[in-house]
Protein backbone atom coordinates (compact mmCIF):
# COMPACT_ATOMS: atom_id res chain seq x y z
CA UNK A 1 -5.78 29.21 -27.99
CA UNK A 2 -8.76 26.87 -27.75
CA UNK A 3 -10.53 26.58 -24.43
CA UNK A 4 -11.27 23.10 -23.18
CA UNK A 5 -14.10 22.17 -20.89
CA UNK A 6 -13.18 20.69 -17.52
CA UNK A 7 -14.75 17.39 -18.51
CA UNK A 8 -12.19 16.93 -21.28
CA UNK A 9 -9.12 17.55 -19.10
CA UNK A 10 -7.55 14.19 -18.21
CA UNK A 11 -7.16 13.23 -14.56
CA UNK A 12 -3.68 13.78 -13.08
CA UNK A 13 -2.59 10.11 -13.25
CA UNK A 14 -3.28 10.03 -17.00
CA UNK A 15 -1.35 13.28 -17.41
CA UNK A 16 1.62 11.83 -15.54
CA UNK A 17 1.60 8.71 -17.70
CA UNK A 18 1.57 10.79 -20.89
CA UNK A 19 4.40 12.97 -19.56
CA UNK A 20 6.51 9.94 -18.68
CA UNK A 21 5.80 8.29 -22.02
CA UNK A 22 6.79 11.41 -23.95
CA UNK A 23 9.92 12.19 -21.95
CA UNK A 24 11.17 8.60 -21.79
CA UNK A 25 10.79 7.82 -25.49
CA UNK A 26 14.20 7.37 -27.10
CA UNK A 27 15.23 7.19 -30.70
CA UNK A 28 17.72 4.56 -31.86
CA UNK A 29 20.43 7.24 -31.98
CA UNK A 30 19.77 8.33 -28.40
CA UNK A 31 20.03 4.75 -27.21
CA UNK A 32 23.37 4.34 -28.95
CA UNK A 33 24.79 7.39 -27.15
CA UNK A 34 23.98 6.44 -23.57
CA UNK A 35 20.22 6.89 -23.64
CA UNK A 36 19.88 4.12 -21.07
CA UNK A 37 20.64 6.60 -18.31
CA UNK A 38 17.74 8.73 -19.46
CA UNK A 39 15.43 5.72 -19.32
CA UNK A 40 16.71 5.00 -15.81
CA UNK A 41 16.00 8.59 -14.83
CA UNK A 42 12.45 8.27 -16.10
CA UNK A 43 12.02 5.06 -14.16
CA UNK A 44 13.18 6.79 -11.00
CA UNK A 45 10.78 9.67 -11.67
CA UNK A 46 7.92 7.22 -12.00
CA UNK A 47 8.98 5.50 -8.78
CA UNK A 48 9.14 8.86 -7.01
CA UNK A 49 5.63 9.72 -8.19
CA UNK A 50 4.34 6.37 -6.92
CA UNK A 51 5.86 6.99 -3.49
CA UNK A 52 4.42 10.50 -3.44
CA UNK A 53 1.00 9.21 -4.39
CA UNK A 54 1.19 6.55 -1.65
CA UNK A 55 2.28 9.21 0.87
CA UNK A 56 -0.78 11.27 -0.08
CA UNK A 57 -3.01 8.23 0.48
CA UNK A 58 -1.35 7.67 3.85
CA UNK A 59 -1.89 11.31 4.83
CA UNK A 60 -5.57 11.04 3.89
CA UNK A 61 -5.96 7.88 5.99
CA UNK A 62 -4.09 9.38 8.94
CA UNK A 63 -6.37 12.42 8.88
CA UNK A 64 -9.11 10.09 10.17
CA UNK A 65 -7.05 8.77 13.10
CA UNK A 66 -8.03 10.52 16.34
CA UNK A 67 -6.13 8.39 18.87
CA UNK A 68 -2.87 6.44 18.69
CA UNK A 69 -2.88 2.85 19.96
CA UNK A 70 0.04 0.59 20.84
CA UNK A 71 -1.32 -2.69 19.45
CA UNK A 72 -0.84 -3.63 15.82
CA UNK A 73 -3.78 -2.58 13.73
CA UNK A 74 -4.42 -6.03 12.27
CA UNK A 75 -4.45 -7.78 15.65
CA UNK A 76 -6.76 -5.16 17.13
CA UNK A 77 -9.47 -5.77 14.49
CA UNK A 78 -9.19 -9.56 14.38
CA UNK A 79 -10.91 -12.18 16.52
CA UNK A 80 -9.72 -12.16 20.14
CA UNK A 81 -8.79 -15.53 21.68
CA UNK A 82 -10.15 -17.46 18.67
CA UNK A 83 -13.71 -16.15 19.04
CA UNK A 84 -14.77 -14.94 15.58
CA UNK A 85 -17.71 -13.02 17.06
CA UNK A 86 -15.27 -10.55 18.66
CA UNK A 87 -13.69 -9.51 15.32
CA UNK A 88 -14.28 -5.86 14.42
CA UNK A 89 -13.58 -6.63 10.76
CA UNK A 90 -15.49 -9.50 9.15
CA UNK A 91 -13.75 -12.10 7.02
CA UNK A 92 -15.38 -10.70 3.88
CA UNK A 93 -14.07 -7.20 4.62
CA UNK A 94 -10.65 -8.68 5.40
CA UNK A 95 -10.61 -10.34 1.96
CA UNK A 96 -11.58 -7.05 0.31
CA UNK A 97 -8.90 -5.20 2.24
CA UNK A 98 -6.24 -7.77 1.31
CA UNK A 99 -7.21 -7.55 -2.37
CA UNK A 100 -7.02 -3.74 -2.44
CA UNK A 101 -4.49 -2.49 -4.97
CA UNK A 102 -3.77 0.99 -6.19
CA UNK A 103 -3.76 4.09 -4.07
CA UNK A 104 -7.48 4.83 -4.41
CA UNK A 105 -8.55 1.35 -3.27
CA UNK A 106 -6.00 1.37 -0.44
CA UNK A 107 -7.22 4.79 0.69
CA UNK A 108 -10.85 3.68 0.70
CA UNK A 109 -10.18 0.35 2.43
CA UNK A 110 -8.03 1.78 5.21
CA UNK A 111 -10.33 4.77 5.75
CA UNK A 112 -13.17 2.32 6.32
CA UNK A 113 -10.95 0.31 8.66
CA UNK A 114 -10.19 3.41 10.75
CA UNK A 115 -13.91 4.26 10.84
CA UNK A 116 -14.69 0.73 12.12
CA UNK A 117 -12.13 1.22 14.88
CA UNK A 118 -13.67 4.52 15.93
CA UNK A 119 -10.70 6.62 14.84
CA UNK A 120 -8.13 4.63 16.85
CA UNK A 121 -5.04 3.08 15.24
CA UNK A 122 -1.34 2.44 15.71
CA UNK A 123 -0.01 5.23 13.49
CA UNK A 124 3.50 3.79 13.00
CA UNK A 125 2.15 0.35 12.10
CA UNK A 126 -0.46 1.86 9.77
CA UNK A 127 2.18 3.91 7.95
CA UNK A 128 4.46 0.91 7.47
CA UNK A 129 1.59 -1.25 6.21
CA UNK A 130 0.28 1.34 3.73
CA UNK A 131 3.72 2.13 2.31
CA UNK A 132 4.52 -1.57 1.82
CA UNK A 133 1.00 -2.73 0.87
CA UNK A 134 2.07 -3.77 -2.65
CA UNK A 135 4.32 -6.42 -1.11
CA UNK A 136 2.81 -9.88 -0.79
CA UNK A 137 4.81 -10.31 2.41
CA UNK A 138 3.08 -7.30 4.03
CA UNK A 139 -0.36 -8.62 3.16
CA UNK A 140 0.55 -12.05 4.50
CA UNK A 141 1.84 -10.53 7.76
CA UNK A 142 -1.37 -8.51 8.05
CA UNK A 143 -3.50 -11.66 7.64
CA UNK A 144 -1.44 -13.58 10.23
CA UNK A 145 -1.68 -10.67 12.67
CA UNK A 146 -5.45 -10.48 12.11
CA UNK A 147 -5.81 -14.13 13.16
CA UNK A 148 -3.42 -13.62 16.13
CA UNK A 149 -1.09 -16.16 14.52
CA UNK A 150 1.98 -14.03 13.91
CA UNK A 151 4.17 -16.63 15.65
CA UNK A 152 3.31 -19.10 12.87
CA UNK A 153 3.94 -16.61 10.05
CA UNK A 154 6.78 -17.36 7.61
CA UNK A 155 9.93 -15.55 8.63
CA UNK A 156 12.67 -14.21 6.42
CA UNK A 157 16.10 -15.70 7.02
CA UNK A 158 18.41 -12.70 7.62
CA UNK A 159 21.45 -14.52 6.22
CA UNK A 160 20.18 -15.25 2.72
CA UNK A 161 16.83 -13.41 2.53
CA UNK A 162 14.91 -16.65 1.92
CA UNK A 163 11.52 -17.02 3.53
CA UNK A 164 11.14 -20.08 5.74
CA UNK A 165 8.16 -21.38 7.65
CA UNK A 166 8.40 -21.82 11.37
CA UNK A 167 6.79 -24.83 13.01
CA UNK A 168 3.79 -24.00 15.14
CA UNK A 169 4.36 -25.14 18.71
């Protein structure tokens, strides 16, 4: 058995990708005999790993929260009563936060957000946002809440699931 240095060992995400690639590869014969279920199982495994990774990022962010608040996190860091000078998070940082993708970037961005707020956050709102951060709808809701304009945000029609814009009064 050859010993490998620690520098040559791939990081866990690369290892997971290799594992999924190797276990999900099907031959033509496997596909003919119901191999599609195996592919579906691999897809579900990958999905499970993504959720687990996101839960780990959430746990890391929540470890920095010292006090639970009742206000939504986005509205608490945005400008109050239209005065941009009162915003705890600048527009540039908001853009960076909204463009964060991947668990590492999300972890870093939200950890910084919690630090800016002095360790205070709405834990339930934070958890929902981090778990659904890949959704464009979640990012849009966050931006509307930041600007205290959630009443003007597009709403989803419960009957058909189609997003519609509401007229600002």
